């Protein structure tokens, strides 16, 4: 990640083949972060389990109750 990519807003990219999209629900406030727990459908297992966001970033997003994360492997 370059310095510019840290300060630039994320660009919306088309979803890559083989990408996985996972939803998370706000679970717990911790010092400096908010923990989001993976929403796991019945009869399934967690693939990521938890995601932590810095509170300052979560505030930029409006302190959402749920977030969606897309994971894709690089070539």
C-alpha atoms as a PDB file:
ATOM      1  CA  UNK A   1       0.000   0.000   0.000  1.00  0.00           C
ATOM      2  CA  UNK A   2       1.420   3.356  -0.962  1.00  0.00           C
ATOM      3  CA  UNK A   3       1.161   6.548   1.046  1.00  0.00           C
ATOM      4  CA  UNK A   4      -1.235   7.933  -1.580  1.00  0.00           C
ATOM      5  CA  UNK A   5      -3.505   4.882  -1.339  1.00  0.00           C
ATOM      6  CA  UNK A   6      -3.772   5.393   2.435  1.00  0.00           C
ATOM      7  CA  UNK A   7      -5.124   8.918   2.000  1.00  0.00           C
ATOM      8  CA  UNK A   8      -7.246   8.374  -1.101  1.00  0.00           C
ATOM      9  CA  UNK A   9     -10.818   7.076  -0.826  1.00  0.00           C
ATOM     10  CA  UNK A  10     -11.200   3.482  -1.923  1.00  0.00           C
ATOM     11  CA  UNK A  11     -12.156   3.116  -5.555  1.00  0.00           C
ATOM     12  CA  UNK A  12     -15.063   0.852  -6.351  1.00  0.00           C
ATOM     13  CA  UNK A  13     -13.692  -2.050  -8.353  1.00  0.00           C
ATOM     14  CA  UNK A  14     -15.682  -4.687 -10.186  1.00  0.00           C
ATOM     15  CA  UNK A  15     -15.783  -7.901  -8.183  1.00  0.00           C
ATOM     16  CA  UNK A  16     -13.097 -10.354  -9.243  1.00  0.00           C
ATOM     17  CA  UNK A  17     -13.909 -13.938 -10.131  1.00  0.00           C
ATOM     18  CA  UNK A  18     -13.381 -16.075  -7.048  1.00  0.00           C
ATOM     19  CA  UNK A  19     -13.849 -13.104  -4.705  1.00  0.00           C
ATOM     20  CA  UNK A  20     -15.729 -13.745  -1.478  1.00  0.00           C
ATOM     21  CA  UNK A  21     -18.047 -11.154   0.080  1.00  0.00           C
ATOM     22  CA  UNK A  22     -18.698 -11.495   3.813  1.00  0.00           C
ATOM     23  CA  UNK A  23     -21.005  -9.453   6.066  1.00  0.00           C
ATOM     24  CA  UNK A  24     -20.114  -8.444   9.617  1.00  0.00           C
ATOM     25  CA  UNK A  25     -22.245  -7.016  12.446  1.00  0.00           C
ATOM     26  CA  UNK A  26     -21.035  -4.616  15.130  1.00  0.00           C
ATOM     27  CA  UNK A  27     -20.071  -6.757  18.102  1.00  0.00           C
ATOM     28  CA  UNK A  28     -17.989  -4.870  20.668  1.00  0.00           C
ATOM     29  CA  UNK A  29     -16.285  -1.545  21.314  1.00  0.00           C
ATOM     30  CA  UNK A  30     -12.678  -2.026  22.365  1.00  0.00           C
ATOM     31  CA  UNK A  31     -10.116   0.663  23.215  1.00  0.00           C
ATOM     32  CA  UNK A  32      -9.509   2.492  19.936  1.00  0.00           C
ATOM     33  CA  UNK A  33     -11.356  -0.038  17.753  1.00  0.00           C
ATOM     34  CA  UNK A  34     -14.758  -1.515  17.010  1.00  0.00           C
ATOM     35  CA  UNK A  35     -14.987  -5.273  16.557  1.00  0.00           C
ATOM     36  CA  UNK A  36     -17.330  -6.624  13.899  1.00  0.00           C
ATOM     37  CA  UNK A  37     -18.293 -10.316  14.015  1.00  0.00           C
ATOM     38  CA  UNK A  38     -18.972 -12.327  10.880  1.00  0.00           C
ATOM     39  CA  UNK A  39     -22.650 -12.986  10.208  1.00  0.00           C
ATOM     40  CA  UNK A  40     -22.698 -16.754   9.721  1.00  0.00           C
ATOM     41  CA  UNK A  41     -25.771 -18.376   8.145  1.00  0.00           C
ATOM     42  CA  UNK A  42     -27.211 -21.452   9.889  1.00  0.00           C
ATOM     43  CA  UNK A  43     -25.369 -24.684   9.085  1.00  0.00           C
ATOM     44  CA  UNK A  44     -22.235 -22.801   7.980  1.00  0.00           C
ATOM     45  CA  UNK A  45     -18.881 -21.946   9.584  1.00  0.00           C
ATOM     46  CA  UNK A  46     -17.114 -18.602   9.958  1.00  0.00           C
ATOM     47  CA  UNK A  47     -14.443 -17.931   7.345  1.00  0.00           C
ATOM     48  CA  UNK A  48     -12.946 -14.787   8.880  1.00  0.00           C
ATOM     49  CA  UNK A  49     -14.690 -14.519  12.276  1.00  0.00           C
ATOM     50  CA  UNK A  50     -13.808 -10.919  13.293  1.00  0.00           C
ATOM     51  CA  UNK A  51     -12.737  -7.644  11.696  1.00  0.00           C
ATOM     52  CA  UNK A  52     -11.478  -4.678  13.711  1.00  0.00           C
ATOM     53  CA  UNK A  53     -11.864  -1.098  12.483  1.00  0.00           C
ATOM     54  CA  UNK A  54     -10.143   1.887  14.011  1.00  0.00           C
ATOM     55  CA  UNK A  55     -12.813   4.017  15.713  1.00  0.00           C
ATOM     56  CA  UNK A  56     -11.773   7.082  13.701  1.00  0.00           C
ATOM     57  CA  UNK A  57     -12.343   5.172  10.431  1.00  0.00           C
ATOM     58  CA  UNK A  58     -15.642   3.700  11.655  1.00  0.00           C
ATOM     59  CA  UNK A  59     -16.773   7.253  12.479  1.00  0.00           C
ATOM     60  CA  UNK A  60     -15.919   8.317   8.905  1.00  0.00           C
ATOM     61  CA  UNK A  61     -18.270   5.531   7.760  1.00  0.00           C
ATOM     62  CA  UNK A  62     -21.013   6.740  10.115  1.00  0.00           C
ATOM     63  CA  UNK A  63     -20.495   4.040  12.787  1.00  0.00           C
ATOM     64  CA  UNK A  64     -22.366   1.393  10.781  1.00  0.00           C
ATOM     65  CA  UNK A  65     -24.107  -1.516  12.483  1.00  0.00           C
ATOM     66  CA  UNK A  66     -23.036  -3.826   9.630  1.00  0.00           C
ATOM     67  CA  UNK A  67     -20.200  -3.795   7.102  1.00  0.00           C
ATOM     68  CA  UNK A  68     -19.478  -5.830   3.989  1.00  0.00           C
ATOM     69  CA  UNK A  69     -15.942  -6.968   3.140  1.00  0.00           C
ATOM     70  CA  UNK A  70     -14.861  -8.446  -0.195  1.00  0.00           C
ATOM     71  CA  UNK A  71     -11.734 -10.595  -0.218  1.00  0.00           C
ATOM     72  CA  UNK A  72      -9.927 -11.526  -3.420  1.00  0.00           C
ATOM     73  CA  UNK A  73      -6.614 -13.240  -3.931  1.00  0.00           C
ATOM     74  CA  UNK A  74      -3.918 -11.350  -5.834  1.00  0.00           C
ATOM     75  CA  UNK A  75      -2.414 -13.081  -8.828  1.00  0.00           C
END
